[in-house]
Amino acid sequence: MPAEDDGPLAGESAGRRAELAASLSRVRARIADACAAAGRDSREVTLIAVTKTFPASDVRLLHGLGVLDVGENRDQEAAPKAAACADLRPALSWHFVGQLQTNKCGSVVRYARVVHSVDRPRLVAALGAQARRAGREITCLVQVSLDDQPGRGGAPAGRLAGLAAQVAGERGLLLGGNMAVAPLGVPPREAFGRLAALAADVRRVDPRAVMVSAGMSADLEEAVAAGATHLRIGTALLGGRPGLFR
C-alpha cells in the first residue's frame, strides 16, 4: 500500500504550500522594499495573514512557513478555525479585524489576542467584561474612520482620544494603538497620512500604544510610508477569495 502521505491530498497540500510560499516571498519583498523606501527597519512591521474564507489547513501551512499572526473578520468562521488550530498556540496569534458585535465578544476573547476594530464605548465595556470572565487580557486597537462616514466602522476622529482612554481604563484590556481602513475614493497616501497624525492622539493617552494597523494588499506601501506597524494582507498572500464562509 502507498504511504499515507503519498496520496492525492498530500499532493494538493504540497502544491498549496508552494503557492503560499511564493506569495509570501513576494509580499515580504514588497514590505522590505517599502520599508527601505521609508527609511524603516522591516522588523518593525508585522504581517497579518487575513485568512477569511480560506480553510484551517492554509493557516497550518502559513504557520509552517513562518507566519505567526493570522486575522479573521467574522467570529462564526474564526472560532471553529481557531479551535482546529489550537495546538499551534501560543506561537500563533489570532487577530480579530472585522466589525464586532457585542454579543460575539464572549466568543472572540477566547481565541483572539488582539481586536483591531474597537470603535464604540459599548464594545469596550463588553470586551472588558468578557475578557475578565475568561481570565484573559486582550490588546485592543481603536478603529478610526478616516472619512467620518457612518456605517463603515470606525469612530469619528474627534472621539478617538476619549475611546482610547476608555480602553486604557478597562480592566482586562490593553490599549495597543489604532487601526483604520483607507476609504474608497481617497488616495491611500492621503488617508494614511491622516492616520499617522491621529495615532499620536492615541499615544498621548498611553505612550506604549504604538501599534498602527493599516494597509492591505493594494496599499501596503503607502501604509508603511505612513508608519504602519501591522499590515492586514489577504488576497496578495492567499489568492482570490473562494467564496463567503457559510
Protein backbone atom coordinates (compact mmCIF):
# COMPACT_ATOMS: atom_id res chain seq x y z
CA MET A 1 0.00 0.00 0.00
CA PRO A 2 1.25 3.54 -0.63
CA ALA A 3 2.40 5.60 2.31
CA GLU A 4 -0.32 7.70 3.84
CA ASP A 5 1.35 10.95 2.79
CA ASP A 6 1.74 9.89 -0.88
CA GLY A 7 -1.93 10.23 -1.84
CA PRO A 8 -3.63 12.97 -3.87
CA LEU A 9 -4.44 15.01 -0.76
CA ALA A 10 -0.77 15.15 0.13
CA GLY A 11 -0.03 16.33 -3.41
CA GLU A 12 -2.66 19.05 -3.12
CA SER A 13 -1.19 20.14 0.19
CA ALA A 14 2.31 20.31 -1.27
CA GLY A 15 1.02 22.32 -4.21
CA ARG A 16 -0.82 24.74 -1.98
CA ARG A 17 2.23 25.10 0.25
CA ALA A 18 4.31 26.02 -2.80
CA GLU A 19 1.70 28.61 -3.85
CA LEU A 20 1.65 30.17 -0.40
CA ALA A 21 5.43 30.14 -0.14
CA ALA A 22 5.75 32.01 -3.43
CA SER A 23 3.09 34.56 -2.46
CA LEU A 24 4.65 35.03 0.96
CA SER A 25 8.04 35.67 -0.62
CA ARG A 26 6.55 38.32 -2.91
CA VAL A 27 4.68 40.04 -0.06
CA ARG A 28 7.75 40.05 2.17
CA ALA A 29 9.79 41.54 -0.68
CA ARG A 30 7.19 44.31 -1.09
CA ILE A 31 7.31 45.04 2.63
CA ALA A 32 11.11 45.12 2.62
CA ASP A 33 11.17 47.47 -0.37
CA ALA A 34 8.55 49.74 1.21
CA CYS A 35 10.49 49.88 4.45
CA ALA A 36 13.71 50.67 2.61
CA ALA A 37 11.99 53.50 0.73
CA ALA A 38 10.63 54.88 4.01
CA GLY A 39 13.92 54.52 5.87
CA ARG A 40 12.43 51.96 8.24
CA ASP A 41 13.61 48.61 9.56
CA SER A 42 11.38 45.84 8.15
CA ARG A 43 11.47 44.18 11.58
CA GLU A 44 9.19 47.00 12.77
CA VAL A 45 6.37 45.69 10.55
CA THR A 46 4.22 42.65 11.35
CA LEU A 47 2.47 40.76 8.58
CA ILE A 48 -1.02 39.54 9.50
CA ALA A 49 -2.35 36.90 7.10
CA VAL A 50 -6.08 37.52 6.72
CA THR A 51 -7.44 34.04 6.08
CA LYS A 52 -11.18 34.73 5.81
CA THR A 53 -12.97 32.17 3.60
CA PHE A 54 -9.81 30.02 3.48
CA PRO A 55 -9.54 26.75 5.41
CA ALA A 56 -7.69 25.96 8.60
CA SER A 57 -5.27 23.90 6.50
CA ASP A 58 -4.00 27.16 4.98
CA VAL A 59 -3.40 28.55 8.47
CA ARG A 60 -1.30 25.49 9.23
CA LEU A 61 0.67 25.82 6.01
CA LEU A 62 1.34 29.52 6.64
CA HIS A 63 2.43 28.77 10.19
CA GLY A 64 4.86 26.20 8.80
CA LEU A 65 6.23 28.95 6.54
CA GLY A 66 6.88 31.21 9.50
CA VAL A 67 3.69 33.30 9.64
CA LEU A 68 2.84 33.85 13.30
CA ASP A 69 -0.11 36.26 13.03
CA VAL A 70 -3.48 35.42 11.47
CA GLY A 71 -6.50 37.71 11.05
CA GLU A 72 -10.19 36.94 10.71
CA ASN A 73 -13.25 39.13 10.06
CA ARG A 74 -16.16 37.03 11.30
CA ASP A 75 -16.46 35.12 14.55
CA GLN A 76 -18.61 32.38 13.04
CA GLU A 77 -15.68 31.48 10.81
CA ALA A 78 -12.84 32.39 13.14
CA ALA A 79 -13.95 30.46 16.23
CA PRO A 80 -14.02 26.97 14.66
CA LYS A 81 -10.87 27.71 12.67
CA ALA A 82 -9.02 28.78 15.81
CA ALA A 83 -10.25 25.65 17.58
CA ALA A 84 -8.97 23.49 14.73
CA CYS A 85 -5.55 25.12 15.10
CA ALA A 86 -5.49 25.25 18.91
CA ASP A 87 -2.32 23.16 19.02
CA LEU A 88 -0.43 26.00 17.27
CA ARG A 89 -0.97 28.39 20.15
CA PRO A 90 0.62 30.28 21.82
CA ALA A 91 3.11 30.65 18.96
CA LEU A 92 0.25 31.63 16.61
CA SER A 93 -1.60 34.86 17.41
CA TRP A 94 -5.17 35.42 16.24
CA HIS A 95 -6.27 38.96 15.36
CA PHE A 96 -9.94 39.88 15.02
CA VAL A 97 -10.01 42.58 12.33
CA GLY A 98 -13.69 42.87 11.31
CA GLN A 99 -16.58 44.81 12.73
CA LEU A 100 -17.57 43.20 16.01
CA GLN A 101 -21.00 42.84 17.58
CA THR A 102 -21.16 42.96 21.36
CA ASN A 103 -22.91 39.58 21.51
CA LYS A 104 -19.85 37.96 19.90
CA CYS A 105 -17.35 39.29 22.43
CA GLY A 106 -17.59 36.25 24.69
CA SER A 107 -16.52 34.01 21.83
CA VAL A 108 -13.86 36.32 20.40
CA VAL A 109 -11.95 36.79 23.67
CA ARG A 110 -11.41 33.03 23.92
CA TYR A 111 -9.08 32.94 20.91
CA ALA A 112 -8.12 36.49 19.83
CA ARG A 113 -5.01 38.06 21.24
CA VAL A 114 -5.73 41.39 19.51
CA VAL A 115 -9.01 43.03 18.49
CA HIS A 116 -8.40 45.71 15.85
CA SER A 117 -11.91 47.09 15.44
CA VAL A 118 -12.88 48.73 18.75
CA ASP A 119 -14.96 51.72 17.69
CA ARG A 120 -17.58 52.48 20.37
CA PRO A 121 -17.86 52.66 24.16
CA ARG A 122 -20.40 49.84 24.44
CA LEU A 123 -17.99 47.48 22.69
CA VAL A 124 -15.18 48.44 25.08
CA ALA A 125 -17.34 47.59 28.07
CA ALA A 126 -18.49 44.28 26.55
CA LEU A 127 -14.96 43.20 25.64
CA GLY A 128 -13.66 44.11 29.08
CA ALA A 129 -16.41 42.18 30.86
CA GLN A 130 -15.88 39.07 28.72
CA ALA A 131 -12.08 39.26 28.98
CA ARG A 132 -12.30 39.35 32.77
CA ARG A 133 -14.75 36.46 32.74
CA ALA A 134 -12.38 34.43 30.56
CA GLY A 135 -9.37 35.38 32.67
CA ARG A 136 -7.60 36.88 29.68
CA GLU A 137 -6.05 40.21 28.77
CA ILE A 138 -6.90 41.39 25.24
CA THR A 139 -4.96 44.01 23.32
CA CYS A 140 -7.36 46.44 21.65
CA LEU A 141 -6.83 48.87 18.81
CA VAL A 142 -9.24 51.76 18.46
CA GLN A 143 -10.55 51.95 14.91
CA VAL A 144 -10.87 55.43 13.49
CA SER A 145 -12.88 56.45 10.44
CA LEU A 146 -10.70 58.39 8.02
CA ASP A 147 -13.65 59.98 6.25
CA ASP A 148 -16.11 60.24 9.20
CA GLN A 149 -18.77 58.40 7.21
CA PRO A 150 -21.20 56.47 9.44
CA GLY A 151 -21.83 52.80 8.81
CA ARG A 152 -18.33 51.89 7.62
CA GLY A 153 -16.88 51.12 11.02
CA GLY A 154 -14.52 53.30 12.99
CA ALA A 155 -15.00 56.09 15.49
CA PRO A 156 -15.04 59.70 14.30
CA ALA A 157 -11.64 61.32 14.72
CA GLY A 158 -12.96 63.68 17.38
CA ARG A 159 -13.91 60.76 19.62
CA LEU A 160 -10.70 58.79 19.20
CA ALA A 161 -8.82 60.05 22.27
CA GLY A 162 -11.82 59.53 24.55
CA LEU A 163 -12.34 55.99 23.28
CA ALA A 164 -8.65 55.23 23.73
CA ALA A 165 -8.83 56.47 27.31
CA GLN A 166 -11.81 54.20 27.98
CA VAL A 167 -9.89 51.17 26.66
CA ALA A 168 -6.87 52.10 28.77
CA GLY A 169 -9.05 52.26 31.86
CA GLU A 170 -10.95 49.00 31.28
CA ARG A 171 -9.70 46.01 33.28
CA GLY A 172 -8.95 43.06 31.05
CA LEU A 173 -8.00 45.25 28.08
CA LEU A 174 -4.71 46.74 26.95
CA LEU A 175 -4.59 49.79 24.69
CA GLY A 176 -2.38 48.73 21.80
CA GLY A 177 -2.82 51.60 19.34
CA ASN A 178 -5.19 52.26 16.46
CA MET A 179 -6.48 50.87 13.18
CA ALA A 180 -8.00 52.24 10.01
CA VAL A 181 -9.04 51.28 6.50
CA ALA A 182 -8.32 53.64 3.62
CA PRO A 183 -11.78 54.79 2.44
CA LEU A 184 -12.84 54.40 -1.17
CA GLY A 185 -12.25 57.47 -3.26
CA VAL A 186 -9.44 58.82 -1.06
CA PRO A 187 -5.82 58.29 -2.15
CA PRO A 188 -4.24 55.86 0.34
CA ARG A 189 -1.22 58.09 0.91
CA GLU A 190 -3.54 60.95 1.90
CA ALA A 191 -5.70 58.73 4.11
CA PHE A 192 -2.79 57.11 5.92
CA GLY A 193 -1.10 60.45 6.35
CA ARG A 194 -4.13 61.50 8.38
CA LEU A 195 -3.91 58.26 10.35
CA ALA A 196 -0.32 58.99 11.32
CA ALA A 197 -1.43 62.23 12.97
CA LEU A 198 -4.33 60.50 14.74
CA ALA A 199 -2.01 57.79 16.06
CA ALA A 200 -0.21 60.49 18.01
CA ASP A 201 -3.50 61.25 19.82
CA VAL A 202 -3.66 57.63 20.99
CA ARG A 203 -0.03 57.68 22.15
CA ARG A 204 -0.80 60.72 24.27
CA VAL A 205 -3.25 58.53 26.19
CA ASP A 206 -0.59 55.84 26.64
CA PRO A 207 2.89 56.18 25.11
CA ARG A 208 3.09 52.38 24.88
CA ALA A 209 0.17 52.26 22.41
CA VAL A 210 2.39 52.25 19.33
CA MET A 211 0.58 49.73 17.12
CA VAL A 212 -0.78 51.17 13.87
CA SER A 213 -2.82 48.64 11.89
CA ALA A 214 -3.20 49.88 8.33
CA GLY A 215 -2.59 48.69 4.81
CA MET A 216 -3.89 45.75 2.84
CA SER A 217 -2.84 44.02 -0.36
CA ALA A 218 -3.34 47.02 -2.63
CA ASP A 219 -1.95 49.78 -0.43
CA LEU A 220 0.64 48.29 1.90
CA GLU A 221 3.41 50.54 0.53
CA GLU A 222 1.50 53.72 1.38
CA ALA A 223 0.72 52.34 4.84
CA VAL A 224 4.36 51.54 5.55
CA ALA A 225 5.36 55.04 4.41
CA ALA A 226 2.87 56.50 6.91
CA GLY A 227 4.21 54.43 9.83
CA ALA A 228 2.03 51.30 9.88
CA THR A 229 3.35 48.60 12.20
CA HIS A 230 0.81 45.90 11.26
CA LEU A 231 -0.35 45.06 7.72
CA ARG A 232 -3.52 43.03 7.11
CA ILE A 233 -2.79 41.06 3.94
CA GLY A 234 -5.29 38.69 2.35
CA THR A 235 -5.53 38.47 -1.45
CA ALA A 236 -1.85 39.10 -2.20
CA LEU A 237 -0.96 36.23 0.10
CA LEU A 238 -3.74 33.67 -0.24
CA GLY A 239 -5.19 34.49 -3.66
CA GLY A 240 -8.73 35.34 -4.73
CA ARG A 241 -11.45 34.60 -2.22
CA PRO A 242 -13.11 31.21 -2.86
CA GLY A 243 -16.49 32.47 -1.60
CA LEU A 244 -18.19 33.63 1.54
CA PHE A 245 -17.98 31.34 4.52
CA ARG A 246 -21.25 29.67 5.33
